[in-house]
Amino acid sequence: MKNVFSITALAAAAALAFPVAAQQPAPKQLKMQSTWPASLTLQDNFRYFAERMDKLTGGGVKIEAMAAGQIVPAFEILDATHKKVIDGGHGVAYYWVGKNKAATLFSATPAGPFGMDHFDFLGWLQEGGGQALYDEFYRDVLKLNIVGMPIGGSSPQAMGWFKRPIKDLADFKGMKCRQTGIVAEIYQRMGMQTVNMPGGEIVPSAQRGVIDCAEWVGGVEDLRLGLPQLWKYHYTPGMHESNSMLEVIINTDVWKTFLPQQQEAWRSAQMETFVRWGVRWQKQNADAIDEMRTKHGTQMLRTPPAILIDFLKTWDKIAAEESAKSPFFKKVLDSQREYAAKVVPAKRFMFPPYSFAANYYFPEAKPAAQAKKK
């Protein structure tokens, strides 16, 4: 009996000495949804973030990372997060240009902006006052109960897939192409007919003849979506998303229930996902491009420079029009231009052209040489 009483006494003492464990709050269970089909690596970005939040909070915050359509349609996650139908979402800000065209500026599109890549753009957010403007946009301009942050750079992206070769702007005439956001308006002014739809609708729409071409992402995303089986002409690069920023959003009231440590874990998981997913994605894209060429017979073609220049000119006109109409649009664009005016020329000076060493070690075969080899 003496041993029993001793064990009981020790257990009681332990409970008194370590009361914290018994007082730990129940884990927060968040239901969040993306705009992506479940099969895409963009959804992998979301899942990775959820896994890191679980681990960094010691199980204190658990996220159910659902794919497009599991609770609401893909393009409704913003309003659903605001109304707390879901706790948060994963997508890209340019989907919300129907509410305000400044949305495209927080997805880093179009055209960079001003030549920035997605790490330059992350610098604008973190070091150039961009995150404060991002917060202002959702809170004060759209008046939504939402906090948004960057979670990955899915760029640079290809111009897209076409049913026939594209030599110049005249070849756009009469073609119906899947485009989204303000990019659709740019291409419309350039002569293309555009159709707005989520990624999951591209393949069935092409099979029904609703569209003749499509822009999606490029590389592994296009391969997983099944685009090489639809069209053979794949053009890259594109200036519409030379820089493209994914976002993770959360309902502001939900965000305020987080402990300070949980908010820090969120920020850490967000930044880790940005980098860790990005380097994996680069390798996946390289493998996908090889598979497209060797297995599907995809013709990888360079976008005619005249099309890229016309795109930049058309975007500059639209940006000027929007700046004249919207003080907030102008404030954000001016902030980006000011930051880019410093970092882009400096980077051009410091960095050797990517093609310099690439051409030395992996020279591109000339068209004539390729024909002779065949």
Protein backbone atom coordinates (compact mmCIF):
# COMPACT_ATOMS: atom_id res chain seq x y z
CA MET A 1 0.00 0.00 0.00
CA LYS A 2 2.91 2.29 0.74
CA ASN A 3 4.01 2.14 -2.94
CA VAL A 4 0.50 2.90 -4.16
CA PHE A 5 0.22 5.96 -1.94
CA SER A 6 3.68 7.09 -3.06
CA ILE A 7 2.75 6.82 -6.75
CA THR A 8 -0.50 8.69 -6.13
CA ALA A 9 1.34 11.43 -4.27
CA LEU A 10 3.90 11.76 -7.03
CA ALA A 11 1.15 12.03 -9.67
CA ALA A 12 -0.60 14.72 -7.68
CA ALA A 13 2.64 16.62 -7.25
CA ALA A 14 3.34 16.38 -10.97
CA ALA A 15 -0.11 17.76 -11.78
CA LEU A 16 0.51 20.72 -9.49
CA ALA A 17 3.99 21.29 -10.85
CA PHE A 18 2.91 21.19 -14.53
CA PRO A 19 -0.60 22.70 -14.71
CA VAL A 20 0.04 24.33 -18.11
CA ALA A 21 -0.54 21.18 -20.14
CA ALA A 22 -4.05 20.83 -18.78
CA GLN A 23 -4.79 24.46 -19.68
CA GLN A 24 -3.68 24.35 -23.32
CA PRO A 25 -6.44 25.70 -25.57
CA ALA A 26 -8.09 23.39 -28.05
CA PRO A 27 -6.47 23.43 -31.52
CA LYS A 28 -7.90 25.95 -33.97
CA GLN A 29 -9.50 24.07 -36.84
CA LEU A 30 -9.56 26.24 -39.97
CA LYS A 31 -11.45 25.43 -43.15
CA MET A 32 -9.72 27.10 -46.09
CA GLN A 33 -10.19 26.67 -49.82
CA SER A 34 -8.12 27.48 -52.89
CA THR A 35 -8.99 28.45 -56.44
CA TRP A 36 -6.98 25.49 -57.82
CA PRO A 37 -7.83 21.96 -58.93
CA ALA A 38 -6.53 19.38 -56.44
CA SER A 39 -4.00 17.93 -58.90
CA LEU A 40 -1.92 21.08 -59.38
CA THR A 41 1.34 21.98 -57.66
CA LEU A 42 -0.30 25.32 -56.84
CA GLN A 43 -2.48 23.27 -54.51
CA ASP A 44 0.72 21.60 -53.22
CA ASN A 45 1.82 25.09 -52.17
CA PHE A 46 -1.36 25.39 -50.10
CA ARG A 47 -0.97 21.93 -48.57
CA TYR A 48 2.66 22.58 -47.66
CA PHE A 49 1.64 25.79 -45.89
CA ALA A 50 -1.01 23.90 -43.91
CA GLU A 51 1.53 21.26 -42.87
CA ARG A 52 4.03 23.87 -41.71
CA MET A 53 1.38 25.71 -39.68
CA ASP A 54 0.50 22.46 -37.91
CA LYS A 55 4.15 21.78 -37.03
CA LEU A 56 5.19 25.33 -36.16
CA THR A 57 2.25 25.76 -33.78
CA GLY A 58 2.67 22.32 -32.22
CA GLY A 59 -0.75 21.33 -33.51
CA GLY A 60 -2.32 24.55 -32.26
CA VAL A 61 -3.53 25.59 -35.71
CA LYS A 62 -4.77 22.92 -38.10
CA ILE A 63 -5.79 23.91 -41.62
CA GLU A 64 -7.96 21.82 -43.90
CA ALA A 65 -6.55 22.89 -47.28
CA MET A 66 -9.40 22.24 -49.70
CA ALA A 67 -9.31 22.52 -53.49
CA ALA A 68 -11.52 24.63 -55.75
CA GLY A 69 -15.23 23.94 -55.48
CA GLN A 70 -15.19 21.87 -52.30
CA ILE A 71 -17.20 24.53 -50.47
CA VAL A 72 -17.66 27.45 -52.90
CA PRO A 73 -16.82 28.01 -56.59
CA ALA A 74 -13.19 28.93 -57.27
CA PHE A 75 -13.77 32.63 -57.88
CA GLU A 76 -15.94 33.06 -54.76
CA ILE A 77 -13.30 32.42 -52.09
CA LEU A 78 -12.75 36.14 -51.44
CA ASP A 79 -16.37 36.90 -50.54
CA ALA A 80 -16.67 33.56 -48.72
CA THR A 81 -13.67 34.45 -46.55
CA HIS A 82 -15.08 37.92 -45.84
CA LYS A 83 -18.40 36.40 -44.75
CA LYS A 84 -16.61 33.61 -42.83
CA VAL A 85 -18.24 30.88 -44.91
CA ILE A 86 -14.62 29.69 -44.96
CA ASP A 87 -11.84 30.87 -42.67
CA GLY A 88 -9.43 31.70 -45.47
CA GLY A 89 -8.29 30.97 -48.99
CA HIS A 90 -5.43 30.53 -51.43
CA GLY A 91 -5.41 32.11 -54.87
CA VAL A 92 -4.11 35.11 -56.77
CA ALA A 93 -5.19 38.72 -56.31
CA TYR A 94 -5.79 39.53 -59.98
CA TYR A 95 -8.90 37.35 -59.84
CA TRP A 96 -10.53 40.24 -57.96
CA VAL A 97 -10.16 42.98 -60.60
CA GLY A 98 -13.94 42.91 -61.04
CA LYS A 99 -14.11 44.56 -57.62
CA ASN A 100 -11.22 46.96 -58.16
CA LYS A 101 -8.52 46.94 -60.83
CA ALA A 102 -5.83 47.73 -58.26
CA ALA A 103 -6.15 44.04 -57.29
CA THR A 104 -3.88 43.12 -60.19
CA LEU A 105 -1.05 45.20 -58.72
CA PHE A 106 -0.90 42.97 -55.63
CA SER A 107 -0.42 39.88 -57.74
CA ALA A 108 2.59 41.61 -59.37
CA THR A 109 0.92 41.62 -62.77
CA PRO A 110 1.05 42.63 -65.53
CA ALA A 111 4.61 43.17 -66.73
CA GLY A 112 6.40 42.73 -63.42
CA PRO A 113 5.56 45.51 -62.83
CA PHE A 114 8.41 47.58 -64.27
CA GLY A 115 10.63 44.56 -64.82
CA MET A 116 10.61 43.23 -61.26
CA ASP A 117 10.78 39.47 -60.74
CA HIS A 118 8.95 37.89 -57.82
CA PHE A 119 11.81 38.36 -55.36
CA ASP A 120 12.04 42.04 -56.31
CA PHE A 121 8.30 42.27 -55.78
CA LEU A 122 8.61 40.56 -52.41
CA GLY A 123 11.17 43.24 -51.59
CA TRP A 124 8.63 45.94 -52.46
CA LEU A 125 6.12 44.31 -50.14
CA GLN A 126 8.56 43.91 -47.27
CA GLU A 127 10.93 46.85 -47.73
CA GLY A 128 9.08 49.33 -49.93
CA GLY A 129 5.79 49.75 -48.07
CA GLY A 130 3.84 47.35 -50.26
CA GLN A 131 2.37 45.23 -47.47
CA ALA A 132 0.82 48.31 -45.82
CA LEU A 133 -0.86 49.14 -49.15
CA TYR A 134 -1.96 45.50 -49.50
CA ASP A 135 -3.60 45.73 -46.06
CA GLU A 136 -5.18 49.06 -46.95
CA PHE A 137 -6.58 47.62 -50.17
CA TYR A 138 -8.56 44.84 -48.51
CA ARG A 139 -9.46 46.76 -45.35
CA ASP A 140 -10.27 50.27 -46.60
CA VAL A 141 -10.69 50.14 -50.37
CA LEU A 142 -12.67 46.91 -50.76
CA LYS A 143 -13.91 47.11 -47.16
CA LEU A 144 -13.43 43.39 -46.67
CA ASN A 145 -12.70 41.60 -43.44
CA ILE A 146 -9.56 40.05 -44.91
CA VAL A 147 -5.79 39.96 -44.39
CA GLY A 148 -3.70 38.94 -47.43
CA MET A 149 -0.06 37.92 -47.75
CA PRO A 150 2.19 36.55 -50.54
CA ILE A 151 2.85 32.81 -50.46
CA GLY A 152 4.72 32.02 -53.67
CA GLY A 153 5.98 33.30 -56.97
CA SER A 154 4.45 31.25 -59.79
CA SER A 155 6.44 32.93 -62.51
CA PRO A 156 7.60 33.66 -65.11
CA GLN A 157 4.66 32.26 -67.02
CA ALA A 158 4.30 31.26 -70.66
CA MET A 159 2.22 33.25 -73.14
CA GLY A 160 0.10 30.16 -73.69
CA TRP A 161 -1.13 27.35 -75.95
CA PHE A 162 -2.55 27.82 -79.44
CA LYS A 163 -4.16 25.62 -82.07
CA ARG A 164 -2.05 27.23 -84.80
CA PRO A 165 1.26 29.14 -85.02
CA ILE A 166 1.31 32.79 -83.91
CA LYS A 167 3.60 34.99 -86.00
CA ASP A 168 2.17 38.43 -85.22
CA LEU A 169 -0.82 40.26 -83.76
CA ALA A 170 -2.91 39.56 -86.87
CA ASP A 171 -2.90 35.86 -85.92
CA PHE A 172 -4.89 36.71 -82.76
CA LYS A 173 -7.85 37.77 -84.88
CA GLY A 174 -10.80 35.44 -84.55
CA MET A 175 -9.22 33.29 -81.85
CA LYS A 176 -11.00 32.81 -78.54
CA CYS A 177 -8.56 32.41 -75.68
CA ARG A 178 -8.92 31.76 -71.97
CA GLN A 179 -7.54 34.82 -70.15
CA THR A 180 -8.34 36.27 -66.74
CA GLY A 181 -8.20 39.55 -64.90
CA ILE A 182 -6.93 42.74 -66.45
CA VAL A 183 -4.78 40.66 -68.80
CA ALA A 184 -7.97 39.73 -70.66
CA GLU A 185 -8.67 43.42 -71.25
CA ILE A 186 -5.13 43.97 -72.56
CA TYR A 187 -5.36 41.09 -75.01
CA GLN A 188 -8.81 42.24 -76.13
CA ARG A 189 -7.35 45.60 -77.11
CA MET A 190 -4.65 43.68 -78.99
CA GLY A 191 -7.34 41.90 -81.03
CA MET A 192 -7.90 38.63 -79.18
CA GLN A 193 -11.33 37.38 -78.11
CA THR A 194 -11.11 36.31 -74.47
CA VAL A 195 -13.11 34.02 -72.21
CA ASN A 196 -12.77 34.13 -68.41
CA MET A 197 -12.84 30.79 -66.58
CA PRO A 198 -11.09 28.92 -63.73
CA GLY A 199 -8.26 26.55 -64.63
CA GLY A 200 -10.37 23.48 -64.06
CA GLU A 201 -12.69 24.48 -66.94
CA ILE A 202 -9.99 24.96 -69.60
CA VAL A 203 -9.75 21.36 -70.84
CA PRO A 204 -13.50 20.65 -71.15
CA SER A 205 -14.03 24.06 -72.77
CA ALA A 206 -11.32 23.32 -75.34
CA GLN A 207 -12.79 19.88 -76.02
CA ARG A 208 -16.20 21.47 -76.70
CA GLY A 209 -14.65 24.08 -78.99
CA VAL A 210 -15.50 26.99 -76.70
CA ILE A 211 -11.87 28.20 -76.81
CA ASP A 212 -9.07 27.92 -79.37
CA CYS A 213 -6.19 28.80 -77.06
CA ALA A 214 -5.43 29.30 -73.39
CA GLU A 215 -3.04 30.91 -70.98
CA TRP A 216 -2.55 28.99 -67.76
CA VAL A 217 0.89 28.92 -66.14
CA GLY A 218 3.48 26.87 -68.00
CA GLY A 219 5.65 23.89 -67.17
CA VAL A 220 4.33 21.38 -64.65
CA GLU A 221 1.00 23.15 -64.10
CA ASP A 222 0.13 22.96 -67.80
CA LEU A 223 1.27 19.34 -67.99
CA ARG A 224 -0.86 18.31 -65.01
CA LEU A 225 -3.86 20.16 -66.40
CA GLY A 226 -3.56 18.21 -69.66
CA LEU A 227 -2.87 21.09 -72.06
CA PRO A 228 -0.18 19.29 -74.15
CA GLN A 229 -2.86 16.81 -75.22
CA LEU A 230 -5.04 19.66 -76.55
CA TRP A 231 -2.66 21.92 -78.46
CA LYS A 232 0.83 21.55 -79.90
CA TYR A 233 1.97 25.17 -80.16
CA HIS A 234 3.31 26.49 -76.86
CA TYR A 235 4.71 30.04 -76.76
CA THR A 236 6.99 31.54 -74.14
CA PRO A 237 7.73 33.97 -72.60
CA GLY A 238 4.78 36.17 -71.83
CA MET A 239 4.84 39.63 -70.28
CA HIS A 240 1.38 39.27 -68.73
CA GLU A 241 2.83 37.29 -65.81
CA SER A 242 6.58 37.67 -66.03
CA ASN A 243 6.07 38.05 -62.30
CA SER A 244 3.07 36.46 -60.60
CA MET A 245 2.35 36.32 -56.89
CA LEU A 246 0.14 33.76 -55.15
CA GLU A 247 -1.67 34.93 -52.03
CA VAL A 248 -3.02 33.38 -48.86
CA ILE A 249 -5.95 35.20 -47.25
CA ILE A 250 -7.58 34.86 -43.85
CA ASN A 251 -10.67 36.37 -42.26
CA THR A 252 -9.59 39.29 -40.06
CA ASP A 253 -11.69 38.14 -37.09
CA VAL A 254 -10.11 34.69 -37.30
CA TRP A 255 -6.66 36.29 -37.52
CA LYS A 256 -7.33 38.27 -34.34
CA THR A 257 -8.10 35.08 -32.41
CA PHE A 258 -4.54 33.84 -33.02
CA LEU A 259 -2.05 34.08 -30.18
CA PRO A 260 0.92 36.32 -31.04
CA GLN A 261 3.08 33.20 -31.44
CA GLN A 262 0.54 31.73 -33.85
CA GLN A 263 0.57 34.89 -35.98
CA GLU A 264 4.36 34.68 -36.10
CA ALA A 265 4.11 31.01 -37.07
CA TRP A 266 1.75 32.01 -39.90
CA ARG A 267 4.24 34.57 -41.21
CA SER A 268 7.09 32.08 -40.94
CA ALA A 269 5.13 29.31 -42.67
CA GLN A 270 4.10 31.75 -45.41
CA MET A 271 7.69 32.79 -46.13
CA GLU A 272 9.05 29.25 -45.89
CA THR A 273 6.40 28.05 -48.32
CA PHE A 274 7.32 30.87 -50.70
CA VAL A 275 10.94 29.67 -50.88
CA ARG A 276 10.68 25.91 -50.34
CA TRP A 277 7.85 25.36 -52.80
CA GLY A 278 9.50 27.71 -55.31
CA VAL A 279 12.74 25.75 -55.61
CA ARG A 280 10.83 22.47 -55.93
CA TRP A 281 8.62 24.05 -58.60
CA GLN A 282 11.62 25.10 -60.67
CA LYS A 283 12.82 21.48 -60.92
CA GLN A 284 9.30 20.23 -61.64
CA ASN A 285 8.99 22.74 -64.50
CA ALA A 286 12.27 21.59 -66.03
CA ASP A 287 11.12 17.97 -65.95
CA ALA A 288 7.72 18.92 -67.39
CA ILE A 289 9.21 20.84 -70.31
CA ASP A 290 11.33 17.82 -71.21
CA GLU A 291 8.26 15.54 -71.04
CA MET A 292 6.20 17.89 -73.20
CA ARG A 293 8.84 17.83 -75.91
CA THR A 294 9.70 14.12 -75.86
CA LYS A 295 6.37 12.50 -75.00
CA HIS A 296 3.72 14.86 -76.37
CA GLY A 297 5.55 16.43 -79.29
CA THR A 298 4.94 19.96 -78.03
CA GLN A 299 6.48 22.66 -80.20
CA MET A 300 8.19 25.04 -77.76
CA LEU A 301 8.30 28.38 -79.56
CA ARG A 302 9.55 31.85 -78.71
CA THR A 303 6.90 34.57 -78.53
CA PRO A 304 7.50 37.13 -81.30
CA PRO A 305 9.10 40.22 -79.67
CA ALA A 306 6.62 42.53 -81.41
CA ILE A 307 3.78 40.91 -79.46
CA LEU A 308 5.61 41.40 -76.16
CA ILE A 309 6.34 45.06 -76.92
CA ASP A 310 2.74 45.70 -77.96
CA PHE A 311 1.59 44.08 -74.71
CA LEU A 312 3.76 46.46 -72.65
CA LYS A 313 2.52 49.48 -74.60
CA THR A 314 -1.11 48.44 -74.19
CA TRP A 315 -0.67 47.81 -70.47
CA ASP A 316 0.98 51.22 -70.00
CA LYS A 317 -2.06 52.87 -71.61
CA ILE A 318 -4.50 50.97 -69.39
CA ALA A 319 -2.40 51.70 -66.28
CA ALA A 320 -2.41 55.41 -67.13
CA GLU A 321 -6.19 55.36 -67.61
CA GLU A 322 -6.73 53.60 -64.29
CA SER A 323 -4.33 55.96 -62.50
CA ALA A 324 -6.35 58.91 -63.79
CA LYS A 325 -9.58 57.37 -62.46
CA SER A 326 -8.38 55.88 -59.17
CA PRO A 327 -6.10 57.69 -56.68
CA PHE A 328 -5.44 54.39 -54.90
CA PHE A 329 -4.42 52.61 -58.11
CA LYS A 330 -2.05 55.49 -58.84
CA LYS A 331 -0.62 55.43 -55.30
CA VAL A 332 0.21 51.73 -55.54
CA LEU A 333 1.61 51.93 -59.07
CA ASP A 334 3.75 54.97 -58.18
CA SER A 335 5.08 53.12 -55.12
CA GLN A 336 6.03 50.14 -57.28
CA ARG A 337 7.64 52.33 -59.92
CA GLU A 338 9.70 54.15 -57.29
CA TYR A 339 10.95 50.89 -55.78
CA ALA A 340 11.60 49.26 -59.17
CA ALA A 341 13.49 52.33 -60.37
CA LYS A 342 16.10 51.54 -57.71
CA VAL A 343 16.29 47.74 -57.63
CA VAL A 344 15.78 46.83 -61.29
CA PRO A 345 18.63 48.95 -62.77
CA ALA A 346 20.88 47.93 -59.86
CA LYS A 347 20.14 44.26 -60.44
CA ARG A 348 20.75 44.64 -64.16
CA PHE A 349 24.15 46.17 -63.34
CA MET A 350 25.11 43.56 -60.73
CA PHE A 351 23.75 40.39 -62.30
CA PRO A 352 25.20 38.83 -65.45
CA PRO A 353 22.49 38.12 -68.06
CA TYR A 354 21.02 34.69 -67.35
CA SER A 355 21.64 33.72 -70.96
CA PHE A 356 25.38 34.47 -70.77
CA ALA A 357 26.53 31.39 -68.83
CA ALA A 358 23.53 29.38 -70.05
CA ASN A 359 24.56 29.83 -73.67
CA TYR A 360 28.17 28.99 -72.83
CA TYR A 361 27.35 25.68 -71.11
CA PHE A 362 24.05 24.79 -72.80
CA PRO A 363 24.00 26.52 -76.21
CA GLU A 364 20.65 26.57 -77.95
CA ALA A 365 20.65 24.78 -81.30
CA LYS A 366 20.04 27.10 -84.23
CA PRO A 367 16.88 26.37 -86.30
CA ALA A 368 19.02 25.48 -89.35
CA ALA A 369 21.12 23.09 -87.27
CA GLN A 370 18.00 21.45 -85.88
CA ALA A 371 16.59 20.94 -89.39
CA LYS A 372 19.89 19.48 -90.62
CA LYS A 373 20.02 17.12 -87.64
CA LYS A 374 16.56 15.78 -88.55
